[in-house]
Protein backbone atom coordinates (compact mmCIF):
# COMPACT_ATOMS: atom_id res chain seq x y z
CA MET A 1 70.75 44.40 27.62
CA ASP A 2 73.06 47.01 27.07
CA SER A 3 74.34 48.17 24.01
CA ASN A 4 76.66 50.66 24.29
CA PRO A 5 80.45 50.69 22.61
CA GLY A 6 82.09 49.43 26.71
CA SER A 7 79.48 46.83 26.73
CA GLU A 8 79.99 45.39 23.56
CA ARG A 9 83.93 45.08 23.98
CA LEU A 10 83.51 43.61 27.50
CA ASP A 11 80.81 40.88 25.41
CA ALA A 12 83.67 40.27 22.48
CA GLN A 13 85.88 39.84 26.10
CA ILE A 14 83.78 37.83 27.68
CA LEU A 15 83.60 35.93 23.76
CA ASP A 16 86.84 35.29 23.68
CA ALA A 17 87.67 33.66 27.31
CA ALA A 18 84.94 31.19 26.96
CA GLY A 19 86.55 30.15 23.94
CA GLU A 20 89.53 29.84 25.16
CA LEU A 21 88.28 28.03 27.96
CA ILE A 22 86.30 25.60 26.18
CA GLY A 23 89.71 25.49 24.11
CA GLN A 24 91.49 23.93 27.52
CA ILE A 25 88.69 21.80 28.41
CA VAL A 26 88.83 20.45 25.14
CA ALA A 27 92.23 19.91 24.63
CA HIS A 28 92.41 18.19 28.57
CA GLY A 29 89.71 15.51 27.06
CA GLU A 30 91.93 15.22 24.08
CA ARG A 31 95.02 14.42 26.27
CA LEU A 32 92.91 12.24 28.81
CA ALA A 33 91.32 10.87 25.63
CA GLN A 34 94.52 9.53 24.00
CA ARG A 35 96.04 8.46 27.47
CA LEU A 36 93.31 6.05 27.80
CA SER A 37 94.39 5.12 23.90
CA PHE A 38 89.96 5.74 22.78
CA PRO A 39 88.11 8.94 20.47
CA ALA A 40 87.76 11.91 22.82
CA PHE A 41 84.58 11.60 21.47
CA TYR A 42 84.27 8.49 23.79
CA ILE A 43 84.70 10.83 26.87
CA LYS A 44 81.48 12.91 26.06
CA ALA A 45 79.72 9.52 25.81
CA LEU A 46 80.99 8.23 29.12
CA HIS A 47 80.19 11.29 30.67
CA THR A 48 76.47 11.83 29.17
CA LEU A 49 75.97 7.43 29.89
CA ASP A 50 74.67 8.76 33.87
CA CYS A 51 72.24 6.40 34.02
CA PRO A 52 70.45 3.97 30.81
CA MET A 53 69.71 5.94 28.16
CA ALA A 54 67.96 5.26 24.35
CA MET A 55 70.56 5.27 21.88
CA LYS A 56 68.52 8.21 20.64
CA GLU A 57 68.40 10.66 23.65
CA LEU A 58 72.19 9.98 24.11
CA GLY A 59 72.62 11.28 20.43
CA ARG A 60 69.81 14.18 21.24
CA ARG A 61 72.43 14.97 24.58
CA MET A 62 76.18 14.91 22.01
CA HIS A 63 74.64 16.42 18.99
CA CYS A 64 75.42 13.77 16.82
CA ASP A 65 73.71 12.24 14.25
CA PRO A 66 72.04 8.36 14.90
CA SER A 67 74.85 6.61 13.21
CA PHE A 68 77.07 7.98 15.01
CA VAL A 69 75.71 6.63 18.58
CA THR A 70 75.74 3.84 16.37
CA VAL A 71 79.66 3.84 16.23
CA ILE A 72 80.27 5.24 19.90
CA ALA A 73 78.18 2.34 21.08
CA ASP A 74 80.41 0.16 18.93
CA GLY A 75 82.93 1.31 20.39
CA LEU A 76 82.21 1.06 23.68
CA GLU A 77 80.80 -2.72 23.33
CA LYS A 78 83.97 -3.96 21.96
CA ARG A 79 85.99 -2.24 24.88
CA GLY A 80 83.79 -3.71 27.54
CA LEU A 81 82.37 -0.51 28.78
CA ALA A 82 78.66 -0.49 27.96
CA ARG A 83 75.86 -3.21 26.39
CA ARG A 84 72.78 -2.41 24.64
CA GLU A 85 69.67 -3.23 26.53
CA ALA A 86 66.39 -3.09 25.67
CA HIS A 87 64.14 -1.09 26.28
CA PRO A 88 62.02 -1.67 29.20
CA GLY A 89 59.01 0.34 28.34
CA ASP A 90 59.84 -0.29 24.24
CA ARG A 91 61.40 -3.50 23.00
CA ARG A 92 61.57 -1.64 19.98
CA VAL A 93 64.08 1.01 21.97
CA LYS A 94 67.82 0.47 22.62
CA ASN A 95 69.07 1.54 25.89
CA LEU A 96 73.07 1.96 26.16
CA VAL A 97 74.26 1.15 29.79
CA LEU A 98 77.69 1.58 31.50
CA THR A 99 79.00 -2.01 32.92
CA THR A 100 80.66 -2.18 36.09
CA ASP A 101 84.23 -1.31 33.96
CA GLY A 102 82.26 1.73 31.69
CA THR A 103 80.88 3.47 35.05
CA GLU A 104 84.57 3.31 36.74
CA LEU A 105 85.89 4.39 34.32
CA ARG A 106 83.52 7.31 34.20
CA GLN A 107 84.15 8.44 37.55
CA ARG A 108 88.02 8.26 37.33
CA MET A 109 87.82 9.93 33.85
CA GLU A 110 85.59 12.83 35.31
CA ARG A 111 87.57 12.67 38.75
CA GLU A 112 90.68 13.05 36.73
CA MET A 113 88.94 15.98 34.45
CA ALA A 114 87.25 17.85 37.29
CA ALA A 115 91.26 18.11 39.20
CA GLN A 116 92.54 19.45 35.84
CA MET A 117 90.01 21.99 35.29
CA PRO A 118 91.09 26.63 35.97
CA TRP A 119 88.10 26.82 38.39
CA SER A 120 89.55 24.04 40.72
CA LYS A 121 92.73 25.16 40.77
CA PHE A 122 92.32 28.76 41.67
CA LEU A 123 88.84 29.88 42.37
CA SER A 124 88.13 28.96 46.17
CA ARG A 125 84.85 27.18 47.25
CA PRO A 126 83.07 30.31 47.28
CA GLU A 127 84.11 31.66 43.80
CA ARG A 128 83.52 28.06 42.20
CA GLU A 129 79.93 28.08 43.70
CA GLN A 130 79.47 31.51 42.38
CA LEU A 131 80.46 29.91 38.92
CA LEU A 132 78.45 27.40 39.16
CA ALA A 133 75.48 29.83 39.92
CA LEU A 134 76.54 32.58 36.33
CA PHE A 135 76.58 29.26 34.77
CA ARG A 136 73.87 27.58 35.63
CA LYS A 137 71.50 31.24 35.34
CA MET A 138 73.30 31.50 31.72
CA VAL A 139 71.88 27.62 30.62
CA CYS A 140 68.65 28.55 31.47
CA ALA A 141 68.20 31.45 29.86
CA GLY A 142 69.30 30.00 26.81
CA ASN A 143 66.91 26.53 26.79
CA ALA A 144 63.89 29.71 27.01
CA VAL A 145 66.08 31.75 24.53
CA ALA A 146 66.01 27.99 22.31
CA ALA A 147 62.27 27.83 23.55
CA ASP A 148 61.03 30.26 21.80
CA ASP A 149 63.30 29.84 18.79
CA ASP A 150 61.88 26.82 17.86
CA LEU A 151 58.54 28.61 18.84
CA ALA A 152 59.17 31.29 16.07
CA SER A 153 60.13 28.99 13.64
CA ALA A 154 57.43 26.55 13.60
CA PRO A 155 54.98 27.10 11.11
CA ASP A 156 52.02 28.94 11.69
CA PRO A 157 49.20 26.42 12.13
CA PRO A 158 46.51 26.26 9.31
CA ALA A 159 43.87 28.71 9.83
CA ALA A 160 40.43 26.96 11.19
CA SER A 161 37.54 26.27 8.55
CA PRO A 162 34.40 27.91 10.23
CA PRO A 163 31.97 25.06 11.53
CA ALA A 164 30.01 23.68 9.17
CA PRO A 165 25.61 24.05 9.72
CA PRO A 166 24.38 21.11 11.88
CA ALA A 167 23.32 18.61 9.36
CA ASN A 168 19.69 19.17 10.21
CA ARG A 169 19.29 22.70 8.94
CA PRO A 170 20.26 24.67 5.80
CA ALA A 171 23.15 27.05 6.46
CA SER A 172 22.20 30.73 6.84
CA ALA A 173 23.56 33.65 4.09
CA GLY A 174 25.74 34.73 6.51
CA GLU A 175 27.73 31.01 7.18
CA VAL A 176 27.23 30.53 3.15
CA ASP A 177 29.18 33.77 3.05
CA ASP A 178 31.73 32.86 5.96
CA ALA A 179 32.34 29.75 3.85
CA MET A 180 32.68 31.08 0.42
CA SER A 181 35.04 33.91 1.93
CA ALA A 182 37.78 31.22 3.21
CA ALA A 183 37.52 29.29 0.67
CA SER A 184 38.65 31.96 -1.43
CA ALA A 185 41.44 32.79 0.80
CA GLY A 186 43.07 29.43 0.47
CA ARG A 187 41.58 27.90 4.10
CA GLY A 188 38.65 26.30 3.80
């Protein structure tokens, strides 16, 4: 990427603008949650529950601890917006499934949020399509970088030990030397 001072300033301005936009989105979500009389994280949970989902997967998508997913599930169940069901393929796994009321609230909430977003109010349809394409491009690139980071931080696999000679013949001098070298290097 470009590392000249003008480019760095532009990147800083983009970061600032993105932070401001994210702040506006969060504020809209918080106001909506306040009108609905429930915590703001229910907004994210309802949005994320686009299909029956294992509670572990919901936690992964929301970037939260499994115990917090239990709090979310309890609250949504208490309000009649979701229910827990056993996963059809593994009864040990619990799926969280929106009820009819939960699905209706999710749709209404998403319509309200979308209507309040600045791109809905101030960008033309072609501009919104371009914005979406840019968002998707950045998300794809971000996912690729995250995958590379995961690979880079993974521990190196242990070095393979030299193969043992077949049981029906004695080891050659070279094979013994290789095995001794590997053992002395801590690989055997």
